[in-house]
Amino acid sequence: MILRCLLLLLAAALWPATASAAPVPAKDDAETLPPMTFFVAKGEPDSCGPGCNEWIAADGRIKEDTAQKFGKFLRTLGKRKLPIYFHSPGGSVSAGVAIGRMLRARGMTAGVARTIPEGCDPVKEREAACDALKREGRELQSELRTARTMCNSSCVYALIGATVREVPAGSRLGVHTMALVEKPNRKISASEEQRQLEAANARLARYIGEMKIAPGLFEAASKVRFERLRFLSRDEIAQFGIDKRDFHESRWMVDEGPPGPLMVVKFIVEAKGGETKRYHTTRIRLACTRSPGTIFFEFGRELGPADRWDASMAVTLGSGDFVLPPGRGKPVVGYNDVQMESRLTRVALGLFEEATGRKTMSILEAPAAVADASAPMALRPPLKLSTDGLTSAIAALGKRCR
C-alpha cells in the first residue's frame, strides 16, 4: 500500500519543468506576501555553483519601489559581483523591467532559487522573525534550494535582464498577461485603459527583444489571463533563450513539504534528440520507510524517444550498487503529452551515507538486445550525477529514519 501511494503521488503531483496553467493566489493572499528583500547570503562551498558560496538573495513580492531599493542595495556592494537568485510571485512589471536593466548593465548572473537563512523555518513563506532577519542588511548564513521555487510574472522580466540566466532543475517560471494597476481616486475610461495597456505591452515586447529573448515569451504570456498562471516548459525556457543548457542538475537538498514528511530530492534536466532537442526532467527522492536504516529510492523521469521504461537500471554509489527495477505500471501521459515513468525500491541508508565521501554516482540502464546475436549489445552511457549537497541532506534524513 505504501509503494502504491508513493507511485500515485509521483504521477499526479508534479512535474515542475512542464507547462501547466494554474490559478494565481487571490489578491488578498498576494498582498500578504512580503515585499522583496535583498541580502547577501553565504552557504556551503559550491552551493551556488563551482567556486561560489556567496550570492544575493531576492525573495518576495516586487513592488513599485523595489527597483529603487535594489539600486541602493547594489551601491552598498561596491565592486563585488555576486550572482542573484530570485524567489518571487511577481508584482510590478515596470519594477521588474527596471531590475532587469540593472542586471544587464552590471553583467550579472541571475537564477531562480529559494534562500533559507539559518534559523528560519523552510516550510513557512511568512515568518515575522525571519522577515525581520532578512531586513537587517547583514550577511546571513543560508541554504539555497531549487525545490518549490518560483519566479512568476514580473520576476521573469527581471530574470531575463541578466547576462547569464540559470533556471535550475526543479524551479519554475510562471507567466500571464499584464493588467493595469488601479490607483486610488483616479478613474479612467475603458478606451483610455485599453490605450495604456497597449502602450505598456509594446514597451514590454521591446524590452524582451532588447534582452535577446525570443518573442515567444511575450506571446506565451499574452495568452494567459491575468487571473491565471502558466508554467513554462523546459522546451520553452530553452527555445525562448532564457536558459539553453543541455544538461544541468540540482544539488541534493532537503524538502520538508508540505505536504508529506521530510525527504531528500534532486532534479536533473537533459536535452535529448538530434536537431530538434527536447528537454526532459528527472527527479530523485529519498524518503524514510518504516524499517530503521532503510529508505525508499524513488526515480521519476519524463521519457525521451530512446528511453526504455521496461529496462532495469543499476545505481552505482561507489560503496555499493543496487538495481532499480522497472515500475509496476506503464508510463503515464503528463502535460504536453510527455510520457512519465516512476520507479521505487528500498535501499540501505548506509549506502548513501558512505556515498557522501565520493564526488559522483551513476545510473546505468540495462543494454538493449539486438537481433544479431554476434553484434554487441546496445549500451547507453551512464547518467553521472554529482553528490554536491548530499552530506548535509542525508544527515538530516538519517535523523528522521533511525
Protein backbone atom coordinates (compact mmCIF):
# COMPACT_ATOMS: atom_id res chain seq x y z
CA MET A 1 0.00 0.00 0.00
CA ILE A 2 2.83 2.42 0.85
CA LEU A 3 4.52 1.74 -2.51
CA ARG A 4 1.28 2.24 -4.41
CA CYS A 5 0.55 5.57 -2.67
CA LEU A 6 4.02 6.92 -3.38
CA LEU A 7 3.77 5.95 -7.04
CA LEU A 8 0.42 7.70 -7.35
CA LEU A 9 1.86 10.80 -5.72
CA LEU A 10 4.68 10.90 -8.26
CA ALA A 11 2.35 10.56 -11.23
CA ALA A 12 -0.13 13.16 -10.05
CA ALA A 13 1.82 15.69 -8.02
CA LEU A 14 4.37 17.35 -10.12
CA TRP A 15 6.50 17.93 -12.95
CA PRO A 16 7.98 21.28 -12.12
CA ALA A 17 9.51 21.82 -15.55
CA THR A 18 6.46 21.13 -17.68
CA ALA A 19 3.94 23.71 -18.83
CA SER A 20 0.66 23.94 -16.99
CA ALA A 21 -1.95 26.50 -16.09
CA ALA A 22 -2.86 27.23 -12.51
CA PRO A 23 -4.78 29.91 -10.65
CA VAL A 24 -2.68 32.62 -9.06
CA PRO A 25 -3.23 33.46 -5.38
CA ALA A 26 -6.26 35.60 -4.64
CA LYS A 27 -5.49 39.31 -4.48
CA ASP A 28 -5.86 39.40 -0.71
CA ASP A 29 -3.45 36.48 -0.35
CA ALA A 30 -0.92 38.04 -2.75
CA GLU A 31 -0.98 41.28 -0.76
CA THR A 32 0.06 39.39 2.39
CA LEU A 33 3.27 38.14 0.76
CA PRO A 34 6.23 40.19 1.98
CA PRO A 35 7.80 42.83 -0.29
CA MET A 36 11.06 41.71 -1.90
CA THR A 37 14.12 41.99 0.29
CA PHE A 38 17.75 41.82 -0.80
CA PHE A 39 20.60 40.49 1.31
CA VAL A 40 23.93 38.75 0.85
CA ALA A 41 23.75 35.05 1.69
CA LYS A 42 26.63 32.67 2.35
CA GLY A 43 26.37 28.89 2.11
CA GLU A 44 28.38 25.70 1.79
CA PRO A 45 31.26 25.53 -0.71
CA ASP A 46 29.93 25.41 -4.30
CA SER A 47 26.37 25.96 -3.06
CA CYS A 48 25.67 28.47 -5.87
CA GLY A 49 27.92 26.82 -8.46
CA PRO A 50 31.57 25.79 -8.80
CA GLY A 51 33.67 28.06 -6.60
CA CYS A 52 30.60 30.05 -5.49
CA ASN A 53 29.30 30.19 -1.93
CA GLU A 54 28.00 33.78 -1.76
CA TRP A 55 25.01 35.24 -3.57
CA ILE A 56 22.35 37.94 -3.47
CA ALA A 57 19.01 36.66 -2.20
CA ALA A 58 15.96 38.35 -3.76
CA ASP A 59 12.86 36.99 -2.02
CA GLY A 60 9.33 38.37 -2.02
CA ARG A 61 6.82 40.42 -3.98
CA ILE A 62 8.08 43.04 -6.47
CA LYS A 63 6.54 46.39 -5.61
CA GLU A 64 6.76 49.69 -7.48
CA ASP A 65 9.66 50.87 -5.30
CA THR A 66 11.57 47.57 -5.36
CA ALA A 67 13.84 48.64 -8.23
CA GLN A 68 14.91 51.74 -6.29
CA LYS A 69 15.69 49.61 -3.24
CA PHE A 70 17.68 47.20 -5.41
CA GLY A 71 19.74 50.03 -6.88
CA LYS A 72 20.53 51.26 -3.38
CA PHE A 73 21.46 47.73 -2.31
CA LEU A 74 23.83 47.32 -5.28
CA ARG A 75 25.66 50.50 -4.32
CA THR A 76 26.43 49.02 -0.90
CA LEU A 77 28.21 46.10 -2.61
CA GLY A 78 30.71 48.31 -4.36
CA LYS A 79 32.70 46.27 -6.88
CA ARG A 80 31.59 42.88 -5.56
CA LYS A 81 29.98 40.89 -8.38
CA LEU A 82 27.70 38.24 -6.91
CA PRO A 83 25.01 36.17 -8.63
CA ILE A 84 21.40 36.90 -7.67
CA TYR A 85 18.72 34.28 -7.05
CA PHE A 86 15.01 35.15 -7.20
CA HIS A 87 12.09 33.55 -5.39
CA SER A 88 9.07 35.71 -6.15
CA PRO A 89 5.38 35.58 -7.08
CA GLY A 90 5.90 38.69 -9.23
CA GLY A 91 4.29 42.08 -8.91
CA SER A 92 5.07 45.35 -10.66
CA VAL A 93 6.12 44.79 -14.28
CA SER A 94 7.80 48.19 -14.59
CA ALA A 95 9.89 47.48 -11.48
CA GLY A 96 10.77 44.02 -12.78
CA VAL A 97 11.97 45.51 -16.06
CA ALA A 98 13.98 48.17 -14.21
CA ILE A 99 15.69 45.47 -12.12
CA GLY A 100 16.43 43.52 -15.31
CA ARG A 101 18.11 46.55 -16.87
CA MET A 102 20.31 46.96 -13.78
CA LEU A 103 21.37 43.33 -14.03
CA ARG A 104 22.30 43.77 -17.69
CA ALA A 105 24.22 46.99 -17.05
CA ARG A 106 26.38 45.20 -14.45
CA GLY A 107 26.75 41.98 -16.48
CA MET A 108 25.26 39.90 -13.66
CA THR A 109 24.25 36.25 -13.39
CA ALA A 110 20.71 35.56 -12.21
CA GLY A 111 18.92 32.36 -11.27
CA VAL A 112 15.82 31.01 -9.57
CA ALA A 113 16.20 29.52 -6.11
CA ARG A 114 14.91 29.98 -2.57
CA THR A 115 17.28 31.30 0.08
CA ILE A 116 16.63 29.99 3.58
CA PRO A 117 18.65 31.81 6.27
CA GLU A 118 19.91 29.78 9.20
CA GLY A 119 17.21 29.68 11.89
CA CYS A 120 14.28 30.28 9.52
CA ASP A 121 11.54 27.68 9.07
CA PRO A 122 11.75 26.45 5.43
CA VAL A 123 8.10 25.35 5.46
CA LYS A 124 6.77 28.86 6.16
CA GLU A 125 6.68 31.54 3.46
CA ARG A 126 5.88 34.16 6.11
CA GLU A 127 7.62 34.23 9.45
CA ALA A 128 7.91 37.54 11.30
CA ALA A 129 11.29 36.80 12.88
CA CYS A 130 12.73 35.60 9.56
CA ASP A 131 11.35 38.61 7.66
CA ALA A 132 12.99 40.91 10.18
CA LEU A 133 16.28 39.00 9.89
CA LYS A 134 16.32 39.48 6.11
CA ARG A 135 15.81 43.22 6.51
CA GLU A 136 18.77 43.71 8.87
CA GLY A 137 21.16 44.26 5.96
CA ARG A 138 23.89 41.89 7.13
CA GLU A 139 25.25 38.75 5.50
CA LEU A 140 23.33 35.65 6.53
CA GLN A 141 24.46 32.04 6.63
CA SER A 142 21.91 30.37 4.38
CA GLU A 143 20.89 27.40 2.27
CA LEU A 144 19.99 27.68 -1.42
CA ARG A 145 17.21 25.38 -2.68
CA THR A 146 15.54 24.97 -6.06
CA ALA A 147 12.71 22.69 -4.89
CA ARG A 148 9.36 24.53 -4.59
CA THR A 149 10.88 27.69 -6.05
CA MET A 150 9.06 30.20 -8.25
CA CYS A 151 9.82 33.20 -10.41
CA ASN A 152 6.45 34.37 -11.72
CA SER A 153 5.05 37.27 -13.71
CA SER A 154 7.29 40.36 -13.40
CA CYS A 155 10.05 38.27 -11.79
CA VAL A 156 10.60 36.62 -15.19
CA TYR A 157 11.27 40.04 -16.74
CA ALA A 158 13.81 40.83 -14.03
CA LEU A 159 15.49 37.46 -14.60
CA ILE A 160 15.90 37.83 -18.37
CA GLY A 161 17.82 41.07 -17.92
CA ALA A 162 20.82 39.15 -16.56
CA THR A 163 23.74 38.46 -18.88
CA VAL A 164 23.80 34.84 -17.69
CA ARG A 165 20.49 33.22 -16.76
CA GLU A 166 20.09 29.97 -14.85
CA VAL A 167 16.73 28.30 -14.31
CA PRO A 168 17.84 25.35 -12.17
CA ALA A 169 16.25 21.94 -12.45
CA GLY A 170 13.28 21.88 -10.10
CA SER A 171 12.43 25.59 -10.26
CA ARG A 172 9.55 27.13 -12.23
CA LEU A 173 8.83 30.22 -14.33
CA GLY A 174 5.20 31.35 -14.40
CA VAL A 175 3.73 33.81 -16.91
CA HIS A 176 0.46 35.61 -17.57
CA THR A 177 -0.69 38.76 -19.32
CA MET A 178 -0.35 42.21 -17.83
CA ALA A 179 -3.03 44.21 -16.06
CA LEU A 180 -3.10 47.89 -15.19
CA VAL A 181 -2.82 48.68 -11.50
CA GLU A 182 -5.78 50.64 -10.19
CA LYS A 183 -4.80 53.86 -8.47
CA PRO A 184 -6.94 55.37 -5.71
CA ASN A 185 -9.07 58.38 -6.66
CA ARG A 186 -8.25 58.02 -10.33
CA LYS A 187 -10.88 56.80 -12.75
CA ILE A 188 -10.15 56.33 -16.44
CA SER A 189 -12.39 55.35 -19.32
CA ALA A 190 -12.32 51.90 -20.85
CA SER A 191 -10.78 53.29 -24.03
CA GLU A 192 -8.02 55.09 -22.09
CA GLU A 193 -7.32 51.92 -20.08
CA GLN A 194 -7.02 49.95 -23.32
CA ARG A 195 -4.65 52.55 -24.79
CA GLN A 196 -2.42 52.48 -21.71
CA LEU A 197 -2.39 48.69 -21.66
CA GLU A 198 -1.40 48.50 -25.34
CA ALA A 199 1.40 51.01 -24.76
CA ALA A 200 2.66 49.04 -21.74
CA ASN A 201 2.60 45.79 -23.72
CA ALA A 202 4.53 47.45 -26.56
CA ARG A 203 7.22 48.60 -24.12
CA LEU A 204 7.42 45.13 -22.61
CA ALA A 205 7.75 43.46 -26.03
CA ARG A 206 10.59 45.86 -26.94
CA TYR A 207 12.37 45.14 -23.68
CA ILE A 208 12.15 41.37 -24.25
CA GLY A 209 13.68 41.86 -27.71
CA GLU A 210 16.45 44.08 -26.33
CA MET A 211 17.37 41.32 -23.88
CA LYS A 212 17.76 38.94 -26.89
CA ILE A 213 14.86 36.78 -25.75
CA ALA A 214 12.59 35.28 -28.42
CA PRO A 215 9.17 36.95 -28.89
CA GLY A 216 7.61 33.61 -27.96
CA LEU A 217 7.92 34.61 -24.29
CA PHE A 218 5.70 37.65 -24.79
CA GLU A 219 3.26 35.63 -26.91
CA ALA A 220 3.05 32.86 -24.31
CA ALA A 221 2.33 35.34 -21.52
CA SER A 222 -0.26 37.21 -23.62
CA LYS A 223 -2.36 34.07 -23.99
CA VAL A 224 -2.87 33.61 -20.25
CA ARG A 225 -5.44 35.69 -18.38
CA PHE A 226 -4.08 37.84 -15.58
CA GLU A 227 -6.08 35.81 -13.03
CA ARG A 228 -4.24 32.63 -14.01
CA LEU A 229 -0.66 31.49 -14.33
CA ARG A 230 1.07 29.14 -16.76
CA PHE A 231 4.39 27.50 -16.03
CA LEU A 232 6.78 27.42 -18.96
CA SER A 233 8.04 24.03 -20.09
CA ARG A 234 11.76 23.31 -20.21
CA ASP A 235 11.46 23.27 -24.00
CA GLU A 236 10.07 26.81 -23.94
CA ILE A 237 12.70 28.02 -21.48
CA ALA A 238 15.36 26.85 -23.92
CA GLN A 239 13.58 27.92 -27.13
CA PHE A 240 12.98 31.44 -25.83
CA GLY A 241 16.69 31.72 -24.99
CA ILE A 242 16.26 32.05 -21.23
CA ASP A 243 18.37 29.01 -20.30
CA LYS A 244 19.65 26.79 -23.12
CA ARG A 245 21.93 24.45 -21.17
CA ASP A 246 21.74 20.89 -22.49
CA PHE A 247 22.34 19.37 -19.08
CA HIS A 248 22.17 20.61 -15.53
CA GLU A 249 21.41 19.13 -12.15
CA SER A 250 20.40 20.49 -8.79
CA ARG A 251 22.23 19.81 -5.57
CA TRP A 252 20.85 17.15 -3.25
CA MET A 253 18.57 19.08 -0.92
CA VAL A 254 16.15 18.57 1.93
CA ASP A 255 12.46 19.08 1.16
CA GLU A 256 10.14 19.25 4.16
CA GLY A 257 6.96 19.69 2.15
CA PRO A 258 4.15 20.45 2.61
CA PRO A 259 2.56 18.02 2.10
CA GLY A 260 4.29 14.94 3.38
CA PRO A 261 7.30 14.06 5.53
CA LEU A 262 10.88 15.26 5.13
CA MET A 263 12.60 13.91 2.00
CA VAL A 264 15.83 14.42 0.10
CA VAL A 265 15.37 15.46 -3.51
CA LYS A 266 17.45 16.05 -6.63
CA PHE A 267 16.41 17.27 -10.10
CA ILE A 268 18.12 16.74 -13.46
CA VAL A 269 17.35 18.32 -16.84
CA GLU A 270 18.70 16.77 -20.05
CA ALA A 271 18.34 17.75 -23.70
CA LYS A 272 17.64 14.70 -25.85
CA GLY A 273 17.25 14.20 -29.60
CA GLY A 274 19.05 15.40 -32.72
CA GLU A 275 18.46 18.73 -34.42
CA THR A 276 15.17 19.21 -32.59
CA LYS A 277 16.05 18.90 -28.93
CA ARG A 278 13.51 18.07 -26.26
CA TYR A 279 14.23 18.77 -22.64
CA HIS A 280 13.33 16.12 -20.07
CA THR A 281 13.27 16.36 -16.30
CA THR A 282 14.22 13.60 -13.86
CA ARG A 283 13.52 13.71 -10.15
CA ILE A 284 15.12 11.52 -7.48
CA ARG A 285 13.68 11.39 -3.97
CA LEU A 286 14.87 9.63 -0.84
CA ALA A 287 12.37 9.01 1.96
CA CYS A 288 12.12 7.04 5.18
CA THR A 289 10.48 3.63 5.37
CA ARG A 290 9.04 2.02 8.47
CA SER A 291 12.16 -0.12 8.79
CA PRO A 292 15.06 1.61 10.61
CA GLY A 293 18.15 2.00 8.44
CA THR A 294 16.20 1.53 5.20
CA ILE A 295 14.98 4.25 2.82
CA PHE A 296 12.92 4.50 -0.35
CA PHE A 297 14.77 5.43 -3.53
CA GLU A 298 12.24 6.96 -5.92
CA PHE A 299 13.19 7.69 -9.53
CA GLY A 300 10.78 9.55 -11.80
CA ARG A 301 11.50 10.95 -15.26
CA GLU A 302 9.98 12.34 -18.41
CA LEU A 303 10.73 9.81 -21.15
CA GLY A 304 12.58 10.64 -24.35
CA PRO A 305 12.24 8.62 -27.57
CA ALA A 306 15.26 6.45 -26.73
CA ASP A 307 14.40 5.87 -23.06
CA ARG A 308 13.26 2.36 -22.09
CA TRP A 309 10.72 2.25 -19.29
CA ASP A 310 10.83 -1.57 -19.22
CA ALA A 311 14.59 -1.91 -18.61
CA SER A 312 16.22 -2.30 -15.22
CA MET A 313 18.83 0.21 -14.04
CA ALA A 314 21.95 -0.19 -11.96
CA VAL A 315 22.68 2.56 -9.44
CA THR A 316 26.37 2.77 -8.50
CA LEU A 317 27.31 4.72 -5.40
CA GLY A 318 30.92 3.60 -5.18
CA SER A 319 30.45 1.91 -1.83
CA GLY A 320 27.79 -0.39 -3.24
CA ASP A 321 25.35 -0.93 -6.08
CA PHE A 322 21.66 -1.71 -6.25
CA VAL A 323 19.17 -2.48 -9.00
CA LEU A 324 16.29 -0.17 -9.82
CA PRO A 325 13.63 -2.36 -11.44
CA PRO A 326 11.00 -1.08 -13.91
CA GLY A 327 7.84 0.38 -12.45
CA ARG A 328 4.84 -1.87 -11.94
CA GLY A 329 2.70 0.07 -14.41
CA LYS A 330 3.15 1.58 -17.84
CA PRO A 331 4.22 5.22 -18.25
CA VAL A 332 1.55 7.86 -17.76
CA VAL A 333 0.96 10.84 -20.03
CA GLY A 334 1.57 14.22 -18.42
CA TYR A 335 1.40 17.82 -19.60
CA ASN A 336 2.23 18.45 -23.28
CA ASP A 337 1.67 14.73 -23.94
CA VAL A 338 5.03 13.87 -22.36
CA GLN A 339 5.25 10.33 -21.05
CA MET A 340 6.45 9.90 -17.47
CA GLU A 341 7.60 6.82 -15.61
CA SER A 342 8.22 6.16 -11.95
CA ARG A 343 10.28 3.52 -10.13
CA LEU A 344 10.63 2.74 -6.46
CA THR A 345 12.85 0.44 -4.43
CA ARG A 346 14.17 0.07 -0.88
CA VAL A 347 17.87 0.52 -0.15
CA ALA A 348 20.08 0.71 2.92
CA LEU A 349 20.53 4.24 4.26
CA GLY A 350 24.18 3.36 4.88
CA LEU A 351 24.87 3.19 1.14
CA PHE A 352 24.09 6.87 0.77
CA GLU A 353 25.88 7.81 3.99
CA GLU A 354 29.03 6.17 2.61
CA ALA A 355 28.49 7.80 -0.81
CA THR A 356 28.87 11.28 0.73
CA GLY A 357 32.62 10.77 0.55
CA ARG A 358 32.56 10.47 -3.24
CA LYS A 359 32.16 13.16 -5.89
CA THR A 360 29.80 11.30 -8.21
CA MET A 361 27.31 8.46 -8.51
CA SER A 362 25.96 6.90 -11.71
CA ILE A 363 22.80 5.29 -13.06
CA LEU A 364 23.22 2.79 -15.91
CA GLU A 365 20.34 1.47 -17.97
CA ALA A 366 20.38 -2.24 -18.91
CA PRO A 367 21.57 -2.70 -22.51
CA ALA A 368 19.02 -3.16 -25.26
CA ALA A 369 19.01 -6.53 -27.01
CA VAL A 370 19.89 -6.68 -30.73
CA ALA A 371 18.58 -9.04 -33.38
CA ASP A 372 22.06 -10.22 -34.42
CA ALA A 373 23.44 -12.37 -31.62
CA SER A 374 27.01 -11.71 -32.80
CA ALA A 375 26.59 -7.93 -32.64
CA PRO A 376 27.47 -6.01 -29.47
CA MET A 377 24.64 -5.12 -27.11
CA ALA A 378 23.40 -1.53 -27.46
CA LEU A 379 24.61 0.32 -24.39
CA ARG A 380 23.79 3.89 -23.42
CA PRO A 381 26.35 5.89 -21.44
CA PRO A 382 25.65 6.08 -17.70
CA LEU A 383 24.00 9.11 -16.18
CA LYS A 384 26.67 10.57 -13.91
CA LEU A 385 25.42 12.70 -11.06
CA SER A 386 27.18 14.96 -8.58
CA THR A 387 26.95 14.33 -4.85
CA ASP A 388 27.03 18.06 -4.03
CA GLY A 389 24.81 18.73 -1.03
CA LEU A 390 24.39 15.04 -0.21
CA THR A 391 26.37 15.16 3.04
CA SER A 392 24.07 17.62 4.84
CA ALA A 393 20.90 16.35 3.17
CA ILE A 394 21.47 12.68 4.05
CA ALA A 395 22.43 13.65 7.61
CA ALA A 396 19.05 15.39 8.02
CA LEU A 397 17.23 12.41 6.53
CA GLY A 398 19.16 9.99 8.71
CA LYS A 399 17.90 11.72 11.87
CA ARG A 400 14.34 11.07 10.73
CA CYS A 401 14.83 7.49 9.53
CA ARG A 402 16.62 5.95 12.50
